[in-house]
Amino acid sequence: MKLYRYLTGKDDVNFCARVTKALNEGYELYGAPTMTFNGTDVIVGQAIVKEVEDETAVPQGLKKALSALD
């Protein structure tokens, strides 16, 4: 199963730390980052994906959301 996440936030060290943490947890960057300006700050987004073999590795909230689609 492939997991997908889209991280967003203010373009700062905290956002970089969140992406770095996800990469170290086995996620890979997916596509180019996005950027916008909200009038005060640059807001960035980055899609990430991770392949998991065991569905027990799927976060509980995502499992619940997926089951609601059935």
Protein backbone atom coordinates (compact mmCIF):
# COMPACT_ATOMS: atom_id res chain seq x y z
CA MET A 1 0.00 0.00 0.00
CA LYS A 2 1.27 3.47 -0.81
CA LEU A 3 0.74 6.21 1.78
CA TYR A 4 0.34 9.84 0.72
CA ARG A 5 0.75 12.99 2.76
CA TYR A 6 0.80 16.65 1.82
CA LEU A 7 2.73 18.83 4.20
CA THR A 8 2.02 22.56 4.29
CA GLY A 9 3.23 25.43 6.39
CA LYS A 10 5.12 28.67 6.64
CA ASP A 11 8.44 28.53 4.79
CA ASP A 12 10.72 28.31 7.81
CA VAL A 13 12.99 25.94 9.69
CA ASN A 14 9.98 24.21 11.30
CA PHE A 15 8.59 23.22 7.91
CA CYS A 16 12.02 21.96 6.86
CA ALA A 17 12.20 19.92 10.08
CA ARG A 18 8.80 18.32 9.36
CA VAL A 19 9.90 17.33 5.85
CA THR A 20 13.25 16.05 7.15
CA LYS A 21 11.51 13.97 9.82
CA ALA A 22 9.17 12.43 7.22
CA LEU A 23 12.09 11.61 4.92
CA ASN A 24 13.88 9.90 7.80
CA GLU A 25 10.68 7.89 8.47
CA GLY A 26 10.88 6.46 4.95
CA TYR A 27 8.75 8.93 2.99
CA GLU A 28 9.98 10.19 -0.38
CA LEU A 29 9.34 13.53 -2.04
CA TYR A 30 6.62 13.36 -4.68
CA GLY A 31 6.57 16.07 -7.30
CA ALA A 32 7.70 19.65 -6.99
CA PRO A 33 7.02 21.80 -3.94
CA THR A 34 4.38 24.49 -4.14
CA MET A 35 4.64 28.04 -2.85
CA THR A 36 2.22 30.89 -2.32
CA PHE A 37 2.18 34.17 -0.43
CA ASN A 38 -0.61 34.96 2.03
CA GLY A 39 0.20 38.66 2.30
CA THR A 40 2.56 38.12 5.21
CA ASP A 41 4.41 34.83 4.82
CA VAL A 42 5.50 32.46 2.09
CA ILE A 43 3.48 29.23 2.51
CA VAL A 44 4.97 26.05 1.08
CA GLY A 45 3.64 22.58 0.42
CA GLN A 46 5.26 19.27 -0.43
CA ALA A 47 3.66 15.95 -1.32
CA ILE A 48 5.37 12.87 0.12
CA VAL A 49 4.73 9.15 -0.36
CA LYS A 50 5.79 5.95 1.38
CA GLU A 51 5.34 2.32 0.37
CA VAL A 52 4.30 0.03 3.24
CA GLU A 53 3.84 -3.72 2.98
CA ASP A 54 2.02 -4.20 6.26
CA GLU A 55 -1.26 -2.32 6.65
CA THR A 56 -0.63 -2.09 10.40
CA ALA A 57 1.83 0.69 9.46
CA VAL A 58 -1.08 2.82 8.17
CA PRO A 59 -1.94 5.60 10.66
CA GLN A 60 -5.27 5.01 12.42
CA GLY A 61 -6.84 8.25 11.15
CA LEU A 62 -6.02 7.32 7.57
CA LYS A 63 -7.44 3.82 8.05
CA LYS A 64 -10.68 5.35 9.30
CA ALA A 65 -10.86 7.77 6.37
CA LEU A 66 -10.16 4.97 3.87
CA SER A 67 -12.85 2.74 5.34
CA ALA A 68 -15.36 5.60 5.02
CA LEU A 69 -14.76 5.57 1.26
CA ASP A 70 -15.97 1.96 0.93
